């Protein structure tokens, strides 16, 4: 099947709704190359996240796993992966798992990120985030914290992040 710009635009608008992310993921995850296509689609919606070329490998309500290859654009002068590329990678699954866990009328924005670096990161990396609880009903703004870890190919934690999100209900006329 050939993807047209119109098809991609429609898919991007569907992804703007929190609960739609999982539905779109389930459709993409069933076809060869779907994970890469889904990841590129998300990267086009959030260009800065897309700059590190992350690939979503698992996505469930309240859980996300993302991989990132080691490539020149994410390296620093010490020949390791740049600290902000690691922060970007750690934030991505946190945002994904949060957005799969809030009501359809919800929207979230990152208000704080704390990251700790344990060692130089080199080679392919995997970042995972799991939300402790989901939000079934959203009537007033609330803050949610999501923790994530970034591991290298030897399964060693190279960075850990704690992200704080302001989750609030959308009002009529409010765009995501």
C-alpha atoms as a PDB file:
ATOM      1  CA  UNK A   1       0.000   0.000   0.000  1.00  0.00           C
ATOM      2  CA  UNK A   2       1.286   3.454  -0.913  1.00  0.00           C
ATOM      3  CA  UNK A   3       0.924   6.115   1.818  1.00  0.00           C
ATOM      4  CA  UNK A   4      -0.272   9.481   0.567  1.00  0.00           C
ATOM      5  CA  UNK A   5       0.247  12.809   2.322  1.00  0.00           C
ATOM      6  CA  UNK A   6      -3.496  12.995   2.956  1.00  0.00           C
ATOM      7  CA  UNK A   7      -3.468   9.567   4.632  1.00  0.00           C
ATOM      8  CA  UNK A   8      -0.541  10.555   6.841  1.00  0.00           C
ATOM      9  CA  UNK A   9      -2.180  13.864   7.810  1.00  0.00           C
ATOM     10  CA  UNK A  10      -5.354  12.044   8.851  1.00  0.00           C
ATOM     11  CA  UNK A  11      -3.290   9.549  10.867  1.00  0.00           C
ATOM     12  CA  UNK A  12      -1.402  12.386  12.583  1.00  0.00           C
ATOM     13  CA  UNK A  13      -4.687  14.009  13.633  1.00  0.00           C
ATOM     14  CA  UNK A  14      -5.852  10.686  15.087  1.00  0.00           C
ATOM     15  CA  UNK A  15      -2.635  10.441  17.070  1.00  0.00           C
ATOM     16  CA  UNK A  16      -3.264  13.804  18.687  1.00  0.00           C
ATOM     17  CA  UNK A  17      -5.953  12.171  20.862  1.00  0.00           C
ATOM     18  CA  UNK A  18      -4.439  10.242  23.807  1.00  0.00           C
ATOM     19  CA  UNK A  19      -6.457   7.034  23.504  1.00  0.00           C
ATOM     20  CA  UNK A  20      -5.928   6.895  19.748  1.00  0.00           C
ATOM     21  CA  UNK A  21      -2.203   6.284  20.127  1.00  0.00           C
ATOM     22  CA  UNK A  22      -2.778   2.662  21.163  1.00  0.00           C
ATOM     23  CA  UNK A  23      -5.263   2.015  18.368  1.00  0.00           C
ATOM     24  CA  UNK A  24      -2.887   3.388  15.760  1.00  0.00           C
ATOM     25  CA  UNK A  25      -0.001   1.408  17.299  1.00  0.00           C
ATOM     26  CA  UNK A  26      -2.001  -1.833  17.178  1.00  0.00           C
ATOM     27  CA  UNK A  27      -2.728  -1.289  13.482  1.00  0.00           C
ATOM     28  CA  UNK A  28       0.888  -0.473  12.611  1.00  0.00           C
ATOM     29  CA  UNK A  29       2.398  -3.178  14.828  1.00  0.00           C
ATOM     30  CA  UNK A  30       0.606  -5.898  12.845  1.00  0.00           C
ATOM     31  CA  UNK A  31       2.349  -5.223   9.556  1.00  0.00           C
ATOM     32  CA  UNK A  32       5.984  -5.611   8.490  1.00  0.00           C
ATOM     33  CA  UNK A  33       7.823  -2.330   8.966  1.00  0.00           C
ATOM     34  CA  UNK A  34       4.924  -0.984  11.016  1.00  0.00           C
ATOM     35  CA  UNK A  35       7.007  -0.169  14.077  1.00  0.00           C
ATOM     36  CA  UNK A  36       9.363   1.983  12.041  1.00  0.00           C
ATOM     37  CA  UNK A  37       6.452   3.666  10.232  1.00  0.00           C
ATOM     38  CA  UNK A  38       4.661   4.337  13.536  1.00  0.00           C
ATOM     39  CA  UNK A  39       7.854   5.771  15.042  1.00  0.00           C
ATOM     40  CA  UNK A  40       8.404   8.053  12.052  1.00  0.00           C
ATOM     41  CA  UNK A  41       4.805   9.200  12.285  1.00  0.00           C
ATOM     42  CA  UNK A  42       5.258  10.095  15.963  1.00  0.00           C
ATOM     43  CA  UNK A  43       8.578  11.748  15.091  1.00  0.00           C
ATOM     44  CA  UNK A  44       6.819  13.924  12.525  1.00  0.00           C
ATOM     45  CA  UNK A  45       4.345  15.052  15.203  1.00  0.00           C
ATOM     46  CA  UNK A  46       7.111  15.722  17.726  1.00  0.00           C
ATOM     47  CA  UNK A  47      10.084  16.710  15.540  1.00  0.00           C
ATOM     48  CA  UNK A  48      12.607  17.117  18.354  1.00  0.00           C
ATOM     49  CA  UNK A  49      11.891  13.598  19.607  1.00  0.00           C
ATOM     50  CA  UNK A  50      12.136  12.352  16.046  1.00  0.00           C
ATOM     51  CA  UNK A  51      15.622  13.873  15.770  1.00  0.00           C
ATOM     52  CA  UNK A  52      17.167  10.955  17.705  1.00  0.00           C
ATOM     53  CA  UNK A  53      15.341   8.453  15.450  1.00  0.00           C
ATOM     54  CA  UNK A  54      13.737   6.345  18.188  1.00  0.00           C
ATOM     55  CA  UNK A  55      11.860   3.163  17.294  1.00  0.00           C
ATOM     56  CA  UNK A  56       8.876   2.153  19.416  1.00  0.00           C
ATOM     57  CA  UNK A  57       9.130  -1.597  20.033  1.00  0.00           C
ATOM     58  CA  UNK A  58       6.399  -2.105  22.639  1.00  0.00           C
ATOM     59  CA  UNK A  59       3.391  -0.046  23.607  1.00  0.00           C
ATOM     60  CA  UNK A  60       0.624  -0.949  26.026  1.00  0.00           C
ATOM     61  CA  UNK A  61      -1.587   1.087  28.269  1.00  0.00           C
ATOM     62  CA  UNK A  62       0.820   2.545  30.828  1.00  0.00           C
ATOM     63  CA  UNK A  63       3.971   0.977  29.343  1.00  0.00           C
ATOM     64  CA  UNK A  64       6.332   1.865  26.492  1.00  0.00           C
ATOM     65  CA  UNK A  65       9.660   0.587  25.229  1.00  0.00           C
ATOM     66  CA  UNK A  66      11.752   2.507  22.703  1.00  0.00           C
ATOM     67  CA  UNK A  67      15.077   1.713  21.039  1.00  0.00           C
ATOM     68  CA  UNK A  68      17.646   4.096  19.640  1.00  0.00           C
ATOM     69  CA  UNK A  69      20.624   3.251  17.467  1.00  0.00           C
ATOM     70  CA  UNK A  70      23.964   4.868  18.088  1.00  0.00           C
ATOM     71  CA  UNK A  71      24.609   7.208  15.173  1.00  0.00           C
ATOM     72  CA  UNK A  72      26.754  10.257  14.582  1.00  0.00           C
ATOM     73  CA  UNK A  73      23.957  12.821  15.044  1.00  0.00           C
ATOM     74  CA  UNK A  74      23.487  11.815  18.696  1.00  0.00           C
ATOM     75  CA  UNK A  75      27.180  11.714  19.638  1.00  0.00           C
ATOM     76  CA  UNK A  76      29.206  14.228  21.610  1.00  0.00           C
ATOM     77  CA  UNK A  77      32.903  15.183  21.538  1.00  0.00           C
ATOM     78  CA  UNK A  78      33.709  12.284  23.918  1.00  0.00           C
ATOM     79  CA  UNK A  79      32.592   9.734  21.333  1.00  0.00           C
ATOM     80  CA  UNK A  80      29.564   8.722  23.397  1.00  0.00           C
ATOM     81  CA  UNK A  81      25.873   9.541  23.163  1.00  0.00           C
ATOM     82  CA  UNK A  82      25.143  13.139  24.124  1.00  0.00           C
ATOM     83  CA  UNK A  83      23.443  13.780  27.473  1.00  0.00           C
ATOM     84  CA  UNK A  84      20.500  15.574  25.875  1.00  0.00           C
ATOM     85  CA  UNK A  85      19.979  12.777  23.356  1.00  0.00           C
ATOM     86  CA  UNK A  86      19.741  10.428  26.361  1.00  0.00           C
ATOM     87  CA  UNK A  87      17.258  12.765  28.047  1.00  0.00           C
ATOM     88  CA  UNK A  88      15.237  12.921  24.824  1.00  0.00           C
ATOM     89  CA  UNK A  89      15.256   9.115  24.637  1.00  0.00           C
ATOM     90  CA  UNK A  90      14.229   8.764  28.303  1.00  0.00           C
ATOM     91  CA  UNK A  91      11.369  11.264  27.949  1.00  0.00           C
ATOM     92  CA  UNK A  92       9.847   9.629  24.865  1.00  0.00           C
ATOM     93  CA  UNK A  93       8.552   6.361  26.396  1.00  0.00           C
ATOM     94  CA  UNK A  94       7.461   8.303  29.489  1.00  0.00           C
ATOM     95  CA  UNK A  95       5.266  10.522  27.340  1.00  0.00           C
ATOM     96  CA  UNK A  96       3.953   7.604  25.313  1.00  0.00           C
ATOM     97  CA  UNK A  97       2.955   5.508  28.312  1.00  0.00           C
ATOM     98  CA  UNK A  98       1.362   8.536  29.973  1.00  0.00           C
ATOM     99  CA  UNK A  99      -0.659   9.427  26.882  1.00  0.00           C
ATOM    100  CA  UNK A 100      -2.010   5.868  26.681  1.00  0.00           C
ATOM    101  CA  UNK A 101      -3.189   6.156  30.286  1.00  0.00           C
ATOM    102  CA  UNK A 102      -5.207   9.352  30.394  1.00  0.00           C
ATOM    103  CA  UNK A 103      -8.822   9.865  29.338  1.00  0.00           C
ATOM    104  CA  UNK A 104      -9.805  10.960  25.858  1.00  0.00           C
ATOM    105  CA  UNK A 105     -10.475  14.485  27.120  1.00  0.00           C
ATOM    106  CA  UNK A 106      -6.989  14.759  28.640  1.00  0.00           C
ATOM    107  CA  UNK A 107      -3.867  16.487  27.492  1.00  0.00           C
ATOM    108  CA  UNK A 108      -0.431  16.447  29.038  1.00  0.00           C
ATOM    109  CA  UNK A 109       2.599  18.675  28.978  1.00  0.00           C
ATOM    110  CA  UNK A 110       6.001  18.000  30.437  1.00  0.00           C
ATOM    111  CA  UNK A 111       6.747  20.476  33.219  1.00  0.00           C
ATOM    112  CA  UNK A 112       9.883  18.970  34.740  1.00  0.00           C
ATOM    113  CA  UNK A 113      12.523  16.409  33.907  1.00  0.00           C
ATOM    114  CA  UNK A 114      15.232  15.136  36.198  1.00  0.00           C
ATOM    115  CA  UNK A 115      17.844  12.829  34.765  1.00  0.00           C
ATOM    116  CA  UNK A 116      20.792  11.067  36.276  1.00  0.00           C
ATOM    117  CA  UNK A 117      23.649   9.733  34.167  1.00  0.00           C
ATOM    118  CA  UNK A 118      25.518   6.686  35.440  1.00  0.00           C
ATOM    119  CA  UNK A 119      28.024   5.993  32.671  1.00  0.00           C
ATOM    120  CA  UNK A 120      28.891   6.891  29.104  1.00  0.00           C
ATOM    121  CA  UNK A 121      26.356   5.505  26.673  1.00  0.00           C
ATOM    122  CA  UNK A 122      27.526   3.818  23.510  1.00  0.00           C
ATOM    123  CA  UNK A 123      25.886   1.440  21.089  1.00  0.00           C
ATOM    124  CA  UNK A 124      22.187   0.683  20.781  1.00  0.00           C
ATOM    125  CA  UNK A 125      20.025   1.773  23.713  1.00  0.00           C
ATOM    126  CA  UNK A 126      16.644   0.754  25.095  1.00  0.00           C
ATOM    127  CA  UNK A 127      14.443   3.080  27.153  1.00  0.00           C
ATOM    128  CA  UNK A 128      11.455   1.809  29.118  1.00  0.00           C
ATOM    129  CA  UNK A 129       8.788   3.585  31.137  1.00  0.00           C
ATOM    130  CA  UNK A 130       5.903   2.229  33.169  1.00  0.00           C
ATOM    131  CA  UNK A 131       3.144   4.232  34.782  1.00  0.00           C
ATOM    132  CA  UNK A 132       2.086   3.109  38.259  1.00  0.00           C
ATOM    133  CA  UNK A 133      -1.561   4.107  37.802  1.00  0.00           C
ATOM    134  CA  UNK A 134      -3.851   5.323  35.063  1.00  0.00           C
ATOM    135  CA  UNK A 135      -6.357   8.147  35.173  1.00  0.00           C
ATOM    136  CA  UNK A 136      -9.912   7.034  34.400  1.00  0.00           C
ATOM    137  CA  UNK A 137     -11.672  10.393  34.872  1.00  0.00           C
ATOM    138  CA  UNK A 138     -10.145  13.820  34.590  1.00  0.00           C
ATOM    139  CA  UNK A 139     -12.056  16.777  35.951  1.00  0.00           C
ATOM    140  CA  UNK A 140      -9.258  19.053  37.154  1.00  0.00           C
ATOM    141  CA  UNK A 141      -5.561  19.465  36.356  1.00  0.00           C
ATOM    142  CA  UNK A 142      -3.255  17.065  38.129  1.00  0.00           C
ATOM    143  CA  UNK A 143       0.423  16.202  38.076  1.00  0.00           C
ATOM    144  CA  UNK A 144       1.715  12.759  37.213  1.00  0.00           C
ATOM    145  CA  UNK A 145       5.229  11.434  37.545  1.00  0.00           C
ATOM    146  CA  UNK A 146       6.652   8.854  35.166  1.00  0.00           C
ATOM    147  CA  UNK A 147      10.053   7.240  35.639  1.00  0.00           C
ATOM    148  CA  UNK A 148      12.111   5.733  32.845  1.00  0.00           C
ATOM    149  CA  UNK A 149      15.421   3.947  32.457  1.00  0.00           C
ATOM    150  CA  UNK A 150      17.845   3.829  29.556  1.00  0.00           C
ATOM    151  CA  UNK A 151      19.912   0.664  29.224  1.00  0.00           C
ATOM    152  CA  UNK A 152      22.771  -0.273  26.922  1.00  0.00           C
ATOM    153  CA  UNK A 153      23.282  -3.552  25.075  1.00  0.00           C
ATOM    154  CA  UNK A 154      24.769  -5.185  28.187  1.00  0.00           C
ATOM    155  CA  UNK A 155      21.519  -4.328  30.047  1.00  0.00           C
ATOM    156  CA  UNK A 156      23.358  -1.800  32.217  1.00  0.00           C
ATOM    157  CA  UNK A 157      21.414   1.304  33.235  1.00  0.00           C
ATOM    158  CA  UNK A 158      23.205   4.298  31.709  1.00  0.00           C
ATOM    159  CA  UNK A 159      20.581   6.912  32.653  1.00  0.00           C
ATOM    160  CA  UNK A 160      17.376   7.209  34.648  1.00  0.00           C
ATOM    161  CA  UNK A 161      14.800   9.961  34.348  1.00  0.00           C
ATOM    162  CA  UNK A 162      11.882  11.206  36.385  1.00  0.00           C
ATOM    163  CA  UNK A 163       9.416  13.246  34.342  1.00  0.00           C
ATOM    164  CA  UNK A 164       6.617  15.339  35.814  1.00  0.00           C
ATOM    165  CA  UNK A 165       3.603  16.059  33.633  1.00  0.00           C
ATOM    166  CA  UNK A 166       0.678  18.419  34.055  1.00  0.00           C
ATOM    167  CA  UNK A 167      -2.393  16.508  32.916  1.00  0.00           C
ATOM    168  CA  UNK A 168      -5.548  18.529  32.439  1.00  0.00           C
ATOM    169  CA  UNK A 169      -8.920  18.164  30.766  1.00  0.00           C
ATOM    170  CA  UNK A 170      -9.414  19.857  27.431  1.00  0.00           C
ATOM    171  CA  UNK A 171     -12.217  22.338  27.380  1.00  0.00           C
ATOM    172  CA  UNK A 172     -14.429  23.005  24.386  1.00  0.00           C
ATOM    173  CA  UNK A 173     -12.399  24.741  21.717  1.00  0.00           C
ATOM    174  CA  UNK A 174      -9.062  23.727  23.258  1.00  0.00           C
ATOM    175  CA  UNK A 175      -6.679  22.024  20.898  1.00  0.00           C
ATOM    176  CA  UNK A 176      -4.238  19.300  21.914  1.00  0.00           C
END
